[in-house]
PDB file of N, CA and C in Angstrom:
ATOM      1  N   ASP A   1    -166.702-150.118 118.279  1.00  0.00           N
ATOM      2  CA  ASP A   1    -166.892-149.905 119.998  1.00  0.00           C
ATOM      3  C   ASP A   1    -166.992-148.218 119.498  1.00  0.00           C
ATOM      4  N   ALA A   2    -166.747-147.340 120.271  1.00  0.00           N
ATOM      5  CA  ALA A   2    -166.898-145.752 120.489  1.00  0.00           C
ATOM      6  C   ALA A   2    -165.523-145.254 120.226  1.00  0.00           C
ATOM      7  N   ALA A   3    -164.549-146.157 120.043  1.00  0.00           N
ATOM      8  CA  ALA A   3    -162.897-145.775 119.628  1.00  0.00           C
ATOM      9  C   ALA A   3    -162.776-146.263 118.150  1.00  0.00           C
ATOM     10  N   GLY A   4    -163.888-146.649 117.797  1.00  0.00           N
ATOM     11  CA  GLY A   4    -163.641-147.047 116.229  1.00  0.00           C
ATOM     12  C   GLY A   4    -162.765-148.555 116.084  1.00  0.00           C
ATOM     13  N   ALA A   5    -162.714-149.378 117.285  1.00  0.00           N
ATOM     14  CA  ALA A   5    -162.173-150.551 116.977  1.00  0.00           C
ATOM     15  C   ALA A   5    -163.094-151.701 116.718  1.00  0.00           C
ATOM     16  N   VAL A   6    -162.883-152.809 116.310  1.00  0.00           N
ATOM     17  CA  VAL A   6    -163.945-153.926 116.055  1.00  0.00           C
ATOM     18  C   VAL A   6    -163.670-154.924 116.960  1.00  0.00           C
ATOM     19  N   GLN A   7    -164.747-155.523 117.873  1.00  0.00           N
ATOM     20  CA  GLN A   7    -164.868-156.209 118.909  1.00  0.00           C
ATOM     21  C   GLN A   7    -165.085-157.435 118.200  1.00  0.00           C
ATOM     22  N   ALA A   8    -164.479-158.269 118.502  1.00  0.00           N
ATOM     23  CA  ALA A   8    -164.829-160.040 117.906  1.00  0.00           C
ATOM     24  C   ALA A   8    -164.898-160.798 118.787  1.00  0.00           C
ATOM     25  N   PHE A   9    -165.970-161.959 118.615  1.00  0.00           N
ATOM     26  CA  PHE A   9    -165.940-163.173 119.957  1.00  0.00           C
ATOM     27  C   PHE A   9    -165.800-164.137 119.355  1.00  0.00           C
ATOM     28  N   LEU A  10    -165.428-165.154 120.425  1.00  0.00           N
ATOM     29  CA  LEU A  10    -165.159-166.620 120.307  1.00  0.00           C
ATOM     30  C   LEU A  10    -166.232-166.988 121.155  1.00  0.00           C
ATOM     31  N   LEU A  11    -167.190-168.135 120.609  1.00  0.00           N
ATOM     32  CA  LEU A  11    -168.233-168.768 121.205  1.00  0.00           C
ATOM     33  C   LEU A  11    -167.889-170.100 121.254  1.00  0.00           C
ATOM     34  N   ASP A  12    -167.505-170.653 122.377  1.00  0.00           N
ATOM     35  CA  ASP A  12    -167.338-172.265 121.753  1.00  0.00           C
ATOM     36  C   ASP A  12    -168.346-173.139 122.376  1.00  0.00           C
ATOM     37  N   GLU A  13    -167.879-174.457 122.344  1.00  0.00           N
ATOM     38  CA  GLU A  13    -169.033-175.295 122.847  1.00  0.00           C
ATOM     39  C   GLU A  13    -169.549-175.699 123.872  1.00  0.00           C
ATOM     40  N   THR A  14    -168.777-174.784 124.899  1.00  0.00           N
ATOM     41  CA  THR A  14    -169.182-174.713 126.244  1.00  0.00           C
ATOM     42  C   THR A  14    -170.735-173.825 126.646  1.00  0.00           C
ATOM     43  N   GLY A  15    -170.138-172.948 126.069  1.00  0.00           N
ATOM     44  CA  GLY A  15    -170.972-171.806 125.857  1.00  0.00           C
ATOM     45  C   GLY A  15    -169.959-170.391 126.277  1.00  0.00           C
ATOM     46  N   THR A  16    -168.567-170.955 126.529  1.00  0.00           N
ATOM     47  CA  THR A  16    -167.772-169.961 126.949  1.00  0.00           C
ATOM     48  C   THR A  16    -167.834-168.529 125.663  1.00  0.00           C
ATOM     49  N   PHE A  17    -167.874-167.410 126.258  1.00  0.00           N
ATOM     50  CA  PHE A  17    -167.716-166.093 125.530  1.00  0.00           C
ATOM     51  C   PHE A  17    -166.640-165.465 125.697  1.00  0.00           C
ATOM     52  N   THR A  18    -165.684-165.612 124.625  1.00  0.00           N
ATOM     53  CA  THR A  18    -164.501-165.113 124.572  1.00  0.00           C
ATOM     54  C   THR A  18    -164.479-163.423 124.107  1.00  0.00           C
ATOM     55  N   THR A  19    -163.948-162.350 124.191  1.00  0.00           N
ATOM     56  CA  THR A  19    -164.302-161.204 123.490  1.00  0.00           C
ATOM     57  C   THR A  19    -162.492-161.186 122.852  1.00  0.00           C
ATOM     58  N   PHE A  20    -162.019-160.174 122.147  1.00  0.00           N
ATOM     59  CA  PHE A  20    -160.966-159.671 121.633  1.00  0.00           C
ATOM     60  C   PHE A  20    -161.238-158.428 120.759  1.00  0.00           C
ATOM     61  N   GLU A  21    -159.985-157.765 120.669  1.00  0.00           N
ATOM     62  CA  GLU A  21    -160.550-156.285 119.891  1.00  0.00           C
ATOM     63  C   GLU A  21    -159.251-156.743 118.635  1.00  0.00           C
ATOM     64  N   LEU A  22    -159.826-156.219 118.030  1.00  0.00           N
ATOM     65  CA  LEU A  22    -159.189-156.122 116.233  1.00  0.00           C
ATOM     66  C   LEU A  22    -159.010-154.546 115.973  1.00  0.00           C
ATOM     67  N   PRO A  23    -157.601-154.260 116.482  1.00  0.00           N
ATOM     68  CA  PRO A  23    -156.927-153.001 115.618  1.00  0.00           C
ATOM     69  C   PRO A  23    -156.287-153.248 114.611  1.00  0.00           C
ATOM     70  N   PRO A  24    -156.721-152.407 113.969  1.00  0.00           N
ATOM     71  CA  PRO A  24    -155.644-151.996 112.847  1.00  0.00           C
ATOM     72  C   PRO A  24    -154.040-152.685 112.424  1.00  0.00           C
ATOM     73  N   VAL A  25    -154.027-153.295 111.524  1.00  0.00           N
ATOM     74  CA  VAL A  25    -152.674-154.354 111.251  1.00  0.00           C
ATOM     75  C   VAL A  25    -152.130-154.634 112.514  1.00  0.00           C
ATOM     76  N   SER A  26    -151.914-154.668 113.664  1.00  0.00           N
ATOM     77  CA  SER A  26    -151.160-155.043 114.374  1.00  0.00           C
ATOM     78  C   SER A  26    -152.353-156.173 114.998  1.00  0.00           C
ATOM     79  N   PRO A  27    -151.297-157.307 115.469  1.00  0.00           N
ATOM     80  CA  PRO A  27    -152.112-158.532 116.177  1.00  0.00           C
ATOM     81  C   PRO A  27    -153.217-158.191 117.024  1.00  0.00           C
ATOM     82  N   PRO A  28    -154.420-159.081 116.990  1.00  0.00           N
ATOM     83  CA  PRO A  28    -155.486-158.253 117.901  1.00  0.00           C
ATOM     84  C   PRO A  28    -154.954-158.814 119.249  1.00  0.00           C
ATOM     85  N   ARG A  29    -155.480-157.714 120.086  1.00  0.00           N
ATOM     86  CA  ARG A  29    -155.155-158.217 121.591  1.00  0.00           C
ATOM     87  C   ARG A  29    -156.528-158.563 122.147  1.00  0.00           C
ATOM     88  N   ALA A  30    -156.111-159.702 123.148  1.00  0.00           N
ATOM     89  CA  ALA A  30    -157.071-160.122 123.946  1.00  0.00           C
ATOM     90  C   ALA A  30    -157.610-159.067 125.028  1.00  0.00           C
ATOM     91  N   THR A  31    -159.162-158.938 125.061  1.00  0.00           N
ATOM     92  CA  THR A  31    -159.987-158.283 126.001  1.00  0.00           C
ATOM     93  C   THR A  31    -159.960-159.577 127.847  1.00  0.00           C
ATOM     94  N   SER A  32    -159.733-160.926 127.168  1.00  0.00           N
ATOM     95  CA  SER A  32    -160.121-161.726 127.895  1.00  0.00           C
ATOM     96  C   SER A  32    -159.246-163.071 127.736  1.00  0.00           C
ATOM     97  N   PRO A  33    -158.578-163.675 128.556  1.00  0.00           N
ATOM     98  CA  PRO A  33    -157.802-164.691 128.149  1.00  0.00           C
ATOM     99  C   PRO A  33    -158.266-165.583 127.327  1.00  0.00           C
ATOM    100  N   LEU A  34    -157.297-165.585 126.082  1.00  0.00           N
ATOM    101  CA  LEU A  34    -157.565-166.761 124.671  1.00  0.00           C
ATOM    102  C   LEU A  34    -157.529-168.289 125.301  1.00  0.00           C
ATOM    103  N   PRO A  35    -158.344-168.880 124.591  1.00  0.00           N
ATOM    104  CA  PRO A  35    -158.163-170.101 124.542  1.00  0.00           C
ATOM    105  C   PRO A  35    -157.225-171.143 124.045  1.00  0.00           C
ATOM    106  N   THR A  36    -156.246-172.011 124.308  1.00  0.00           N
ATOM    107  CA  THR A  36    -155.165-172.616 123.788  1.00  0.00           C
ATOM    108  C   THR A  36    -155.696-173.965 123.049  1.00  0.00           C
ATOM    109  N   ASP A  37    -157.060-174.152 123.274  1.00  0.00           N
ATOM    110  CA  ASP A  37    -157.385-175.525 122.413  1.00  0.00           C
ATOM    111  C   ASP A  37    -158.334-175.266 121.230  1.00  0.00           C
ATOM    112  N   ILE A  38    -158.129-173.662 120.729  1.00  0.00           N
ATOM    113  CA  ILE A  38    -159.005-173.414 119.741  1.00  0.00           C
ATOM    114  C   ILE A  38    -158.344-172.889 118.436  1.00  0.00           C
ATOM    115  N   THR A  39    -158.637-173.028 117.208  1.00  0.00           N
ATOM    116  CA  THR A  39    -157.941-172.242 116.171  1.00  0.00           C
ATOM    117  C   THR A  39    -158.882-172.111 115.203  1.00  0.00           C
ATOM    118  N   LEU A  40    -158.628-170.610 115.233  1.00  0.00           N
ATOM    119  CA  LEU A  40    -159.510-169.642 114.122  1.00  0.00           C
ATOM    120  C   LEU A  40    -158.619-168.906 112.998  1.00  0.00           C
ATOM    121  N   ALA A  41    -159.406-168.582 112.373  1.00  0.00           N
ATOM    122  CA  ALA A  41    -158.913-167.291 111.059  1.00  0.00           C
ATOM    123  C   ALA A  41    -159.690-166.001 110.929  1.00  0.00           C
ATOM    124  N   THR A  42    -159.357-164.666 111.189  1.00  0.00           N
ATOM    125  CA  THR A  42    -159.744-163.884 111.240  1.00  0.00           C
ATOM    126  C   THR A  42    -159.220-162.848 110.812  1.00  0.00           C
ATOM    127  N   ASN A  43    -159.574-161.362 110.390  1.00  0.00           N
ATOM    128  CA  ASN A  43    -158.598-160.436 109.721  1.00  0.00           C
ATOM    129  C   ASN A  43    -159.087-158.964 110.442  1.00  0.00           C
ATOM    130  N   SER A  44    -158.605-158.355 110.430  1.00  0.00           N
ATOM    131  CA  SER A  44    -158.176-156.678 110.677  1.00  0.00           C
ATOM    132  C   SER A  44    -158.519-155.796 109.688  1.00  0.00           C
ATOM    133  N   SER A  45    -158.527-154.666 109.674  1.00  0.00           N
ATOM    134  CA  SER A  45    -158.591-153.385 108.526  1.00  0.00           C
ATOM    135  C   SER A  45    -157.635-152.478 109.199  1.00  0.00           C
ATOM    136  N   ASP A  46    -157.147-152.181 108.117  1.00  0.00           N
ATOM    137  CA  ASP A  46    -155.809-150.989 108.781  1.00  0.00           C
ATOM    138  C   ASP A  46    -156.665-149.263 108.012  1.00  0.00           C
ATOM    139  N   ALA A  47    -156.022-148.448 108.274  1.00  0.00           N
ATOM    140  CA  ALA A  47    -156.078-146.850 108.182  1.00  0.00           C
ATOM    141  C   ALA A  47    -156.552-146.996 106.809  1.00  0.00           C
ATOM    142  N   LYS A  48    -156.416-147.473 106.145  1.00  0.00           N
ATOM    143  CA  LYS A  48    -156.591-147.492 104.456  1.00  0.00           C
ATOM    144  C   LYS A  48    -157.894-148.535 104.253  1.00  0.00           C
ATOM    145  N   GLY A  49    -158.244-149.047 104.936  1.00  0.00           N
ATOM    146  CA  GLY A  49    -159.649-150.011 104.775  1.00  0.00           C
ATOM    147  C   GLY A  49    -158.866-151.540 104.257  1.00  0.00           C
ATOM    148  N   LEU A  50    -157.704-151.522 104.158  1.00  0.00           N
ATOM    149  CA  LEU A  50    -157.853-152.854 103.726  1.00  0.00           C
ATOM    150  C   LEU A  50    -157.104-153.922 104.952  1.00  0.00           C
ATOM    151  N   HIS A  51    -157.114-155.701 104.568  1.00  0.00           N
ATOM    152  CA  HIS A  51    -157.802-156.230 105.702  1.00  0.00           C
ATOM    153  C   HIS A  51    -156.398-156.951 105.539  1.00  0.00           C
ATOM    154  N   HIS A  52    -156.125-157.525 106.701  1.00  0.00           N
ATOM    155  CA  HIS A  52    -155.135-158.381 107.353  1.00  0.00           C
ATOM    156  C   HIS A  52    -155.252-159.372 107.966  1.00  0.00           C
ATOM    157  N   GLY A  53    -155.057-160.653 107.490  1.00  0.00           N
ATOM    158  CA  GLY A  53    -155.310-162.007 108.179  1.00  0.00           C
ATOM    159  C   GLY A  53    -154.612-162.442 109.521  1.00  0.00           C
ATOM    160  N   PHE A  54    -155.383-162.689 110.284  1.00  0.00           N
ATOM    161  CA  PHE A  54    -154.877-163.215 111.398  1.00  0.00           C
ATOM    162  C   PHE A  54    -155.241-164.861 111.755  1.00  0.00           C
ATOM    163  N   LEU A  55    -154.343-165.448 112.595  1.00  0.00           N
ATOM    164  CA  LEU A  55    -154.378-167.003 112.543  1.00  0.00           C
ATOM    165  C   LEU A  55    -154.322-167.289 114.637  1.00  0.00           C
ATOM    166  N   LEU A  56    -155.382-167.393 115.147  1.00  0.00           N
ATOM    167  CA  LEU A  56    -155.118-168.044 116.778  1.00  0.00           C
ATOM    168  C   LEU A  56    -155.232-169.316 116.662  1.00  0.00           C
ATOM    169  N   ALA A  57    -153.916-169.817 117.410  1.00  0.00           N
ATOM    170  CA  ALA A  57    -153.388-170.703 117.283  1.00  0.00           C
ATOM    171  C   ALA A  57    -153.089-171.153 119.047  1.00  0.00           C
ATOM    172  N   GLY A  58    -153.070-171.958 119.987  1.00  0.00           N
ATOM    173  CA  GLY A  58    -152.288-171.724 121.046  1.00  0.00           C
ATOM    174  C   GLY A  58    -152.492-170.799 121.865  1.00  0.00           C
ATOM    175  N   GLY A  59    -153.558-170.308 121.570  1.00  0.00           N
ATOM    176  CA  GLY A  59    -153.738-168.899 122.554  1.00  0.00           C
ATOM    177  C   GLY A  59    -152.845-167.572 122.023  1.00  0.00           C
ATOM    178  N   ARG A  60    -152.279-167.740 120.519  1.00  0.00           N
ATOM    179  CA  ARG A  60    -151.588-166.555 120.298  1.00  0.00           C
ATOM    180  C   ARG A  60    -151.883-166.294 118.544  1.00  0.00           C
ATOM    181  N   PHE A  61    -151.889-165.121 118.545  1.00  0.00           N
ATOM    182  CA  PHE A  61    -152.363-164.863 116.998  1.00  0.00           C
ATOM    183  C   PHE A  61    -150.827-164.447 116.394  1.00  0.00           C
ATOM    184  N   THR A  62    -151.235-164.504 114.810  1.00  0.00           N
ATOM    185  CA  THR A  62    -150.019-164.681 114.047  1.00  0.00           C
ATOM    186  C   THR A  62    -150.486-164.464 112.676  1.00  0.00           C
ATOM    187  N   ARG A  63    -149.946-163.053 111.933  1.00  0.00           N
ATOM    188  CA  ARG A  63    -150.442-162.342 110.748  1.00  0.00           C
ATOM    189  C   ARG A  63    -150.054-163.538 109.575  1.00  0.00           C
ATOM    190  N   LEU A  64    -151.516-163.276 109.258  1.00  0.00           N
ATOM    191  CA  LEU A  64    -151.204-164.163 107.707  1.00  0.00           C
ATOM    192  C   LEU A  64    -150.888-163.435 106.715  1.00  0.00           C
ATOM    193  N   SER A  65    -149.815-163.347 105.799  1.00  0.00           N
ATOM    194  CA  SER A  65    -149.536-162.710 104.512  1.00  0.00           C
ATOM    195  C   SER A  65    -149.559-163.319 103.255  1.00  0.00           C
ATOM    196  N   GLY A  66    -150.122-163.075 102.038  1.00  0.00           N
ATOM    197  CA  GLY A  66    -150.479-163.222 100.881  1.00  0.00           C
ATOM    198  C   GLY A  66    -148.708-163.406 100.179  1.00  0.00           C
ATOM    199  N   PRO A  67    -148.374-164.025  99.253  1.00  0.00           N
ATOM    200  CA  PRO A  67    -147.374-163.937  98.329  1.00  0.00           C
ATOM    201  C   PRO A  67    -147.077-162.674  98.038  1.00  0.00           C
ATOM    202  N   THR A  68    -147.987-161.376  97.806  1.00  0.00           N
ATOM    203  CA  THR A  68    -147.280-160.382  97.507  1.00  0.00           C
ATOM    204  C   THR A  68    -146.924-159.704  98.814  1.00  0.00           C
ATOM    205  N   ALA A  69    -146.088-158.579  98.360  1.00  0.00           N
ATOM    206  CA  ALA A  69    -145.269-157.905  99.525  1.00  0.00           C
ATOM    207  C   ALA A  69    -146.109-156.688 100.346  1.00  0.00           C
ATOM    208  N   PHE A  70    -147.070-156.592  99.223  1.00  0.00           N
ATOM    209  CA  PHE A  70    -148.316-155.667 100.131  1.00  0.00           C
ATOM    210  C   PHE A  70    -149.968-156.085  99.625  1.00  0.00           C
ATOM    211  N   GLY A  71    -150.721-155.495 100.324  1.00  0.00           N
ATOM    212  CA  GLY A  71    -151.737-155.653  99.771  1.00  0.00           C
ATOM    213  C   GLY A  71    -152.833-156.804 101.062  1.00  0.00           C
ATOM    214  N   GLU A  72    -153.858-156.950 100.559  1.00  0.00           N
ATOM    215  CA  GLU A  72    -154.751-157.479 101.403  1.00  0.00           C
ATOM    216  C   GLU A  72    -154.404-159.315 101.697  1.00  0.00           C
ATOM    217  N   SER A  73    -154.949-159.420 103.018  1.00  0.00           N
ATOM    218  CA  SER A  73    -155.057-160.904 103.086  1.00  0.00           C
ATOM    219  C   SER A  73    -156.164-161.227 104.153  1.00  0.00           C
ATOM    220  N   VAL A  74    -157.722-162.108 103.235  1.00  0.00           N
ATOM    221  CA  VAL A  74    -158.800-162.220 103.920  1.00  0.00           C
ATOM    222  C   VAL A  74    -159.004-164.069 104.202  1.00  0.00           C
ATOM    223  N   PRO A  75    -158.708-164.556 105.093  1.00  0.00           N
ATOM    224  CA  PRO A  75    -158.993-165.710 105.680  1.00  0.00           C
ATOM    225  C   PRO A  75    -160.646-165.903 105.642  1.00  0.00           C
ATOM    226  N   ASN A  76    -161.173-166.898 105.012  1.00  0.00           N
ATOM    227  CA  ASN A  76    -162.645-167.198 105.136  1.00  0.00           C
ATOM    228  C   ASN A  76    -163.019-168.186 105.986  1.00  0.00           C
ATOM    229  N   SER A  77    -162.555-169.249 106.312  1.00  0.00           N
ATOM    230  CA  SER A  77    -163.100-170.438 106.688  1.00  0.00           C
ATOM    231  C   SER A  77    -161.249-171.141 106.913  1.00  0.00           C
ATOM    232  N   ILE A  78    -161.231-172.091 107.947  1.00  0.00           N
ATOM    233  CA  ILE A  78    -160.332-172.912 108.233  1.00  0.00           C
ATOM    234  C   ILE A  78    -160.897-174.232 108.776  1.00  0.00           C
ATOM    235  N   ASN A  79    -160.441-175.657 108.330  1.00  0.00           N
ATOM    236  CA  ASN A  79    -160.959-176.849 108.125  1.00  0.00           C
ATOM    237  C   ASN A  79    -160.115-177.644 109.595  1.00  0.00           C
ATOM    238  N   GLU A  80    -160.242-178.371 110.005  1.00  0.00           N
ATOM    239  CA  GLU A  80    -160.263-179.543 110.916  1.00  0.00           C
ATOM    240  C   GLU A  80    -158.258-179.718 110.720  1.00  0.00           C
ATOM    241  N   ARG A  81    -158.015-179.756 109.412  1.00  0.00           N
ATOM    242  CA  ARG A  81    -156.426-180.143 109.511  1.00  0.00           C
ATOM    243  C   ARG A  81    -155.874-178.715 109.371  1.00  0.00           C
ATOM    244  N   ARG A  82    -156.139-177.130 109.838  1.00  0.00           N
ATOM    245  CA  ARG A  82    -155.764-176.187 110.283  1.00  0.00           C
ATOM    246  C   ARG A  82    -155.456-175.624 108.466  1.00  0.00           C
ATOM    247  N   GLN A  83    -156.134-176.151 107.558  1.00  0.00           N
ATOM    248  CA  GLN A  83    -155.957-174.964 106.373  1.00  0.00           C
ATOM    249  C   GLN A  83    -156.902-174.336 106.403  1.00  0.00           C
ATOM    250  N   ILE A  84    -156.508-173.215 105.996  1.00  0.00           N
ATOM    251  CA  ILE A  84    -157.028-172.244 105.677  1.00  0.00           C
ATOM    252  C   ILE A  84    -157.325-171.342 103.877  1.00  0.00           C
ATOM    253  N   VAL A  85    -158.742-171.132 103.704  1.00  0.00           N
ATOM    254  CA  VAL A  85    -158.989-170.974 102.583  1.00  0.00           C
ATOM    255  C   VAL A  85    -159.397-169.252 102.701  1.00  0.00           C
ATOM    256  N   GLY A  86    -158.830-168.567 101.539  1.00  0.00           N
ATOM    257  CA  GLY A  86    -159.773-167.087 101.857  1.00  0.00           C
ATOM    258  C   GLY A  86    -159.085-166.641 100.451  1.00  0.00           C
ATOM    259  N   VAL A  87    -158.870-165.302 100.468  1.00  0.00           N
ATOM    260  CA  VAL A  87    -158.440-164.179  99.388  1.00  0.00           C
ATOM    261  C   VAL A  87    -157.345-163.389  99.580  1.00  0.00           C
ATOM    262  N   TYR A  88    -156.439-163.215  98.453  1.00  0.00           N
ATOM    263  CA  TYR A  88    -155.173-162.172  98.845  1.00  0.00           C
ATOM    264  C   TYR A  88    -155.195-161.051  98.055  1.00  0.00           C
ATOM    265  N   GLU A  89    -154.719-160.141  97.867  1.00  0.00           N
ATOM    266  CA  GLU A  89    -154.520-159.218  96.651  1.00  0.00           C
ATOM    267  C   GLU A  89    -153.028-158.575  96.779  1.00  0.00           C
TER     268      GLU A  89
END
């Protein structure tokens, strides 16, 4: 957007379109109510361009961190058992 924030969206099977903002590093903020029955994995970039993964489950975002103390985590996909595949550095 004009402020440089990434705008993300979730489109469900009923056609409901939910938008949320992905600010750097901190958990994303919803610009509309988030569904509690949807689980997804996404990422956001910080000021240095490093990616940080987030999990949306139960209507809340949780930051995903790799086993290293610093670096990037980029979730690529999540399955029906909520297993996430991605990369970290």
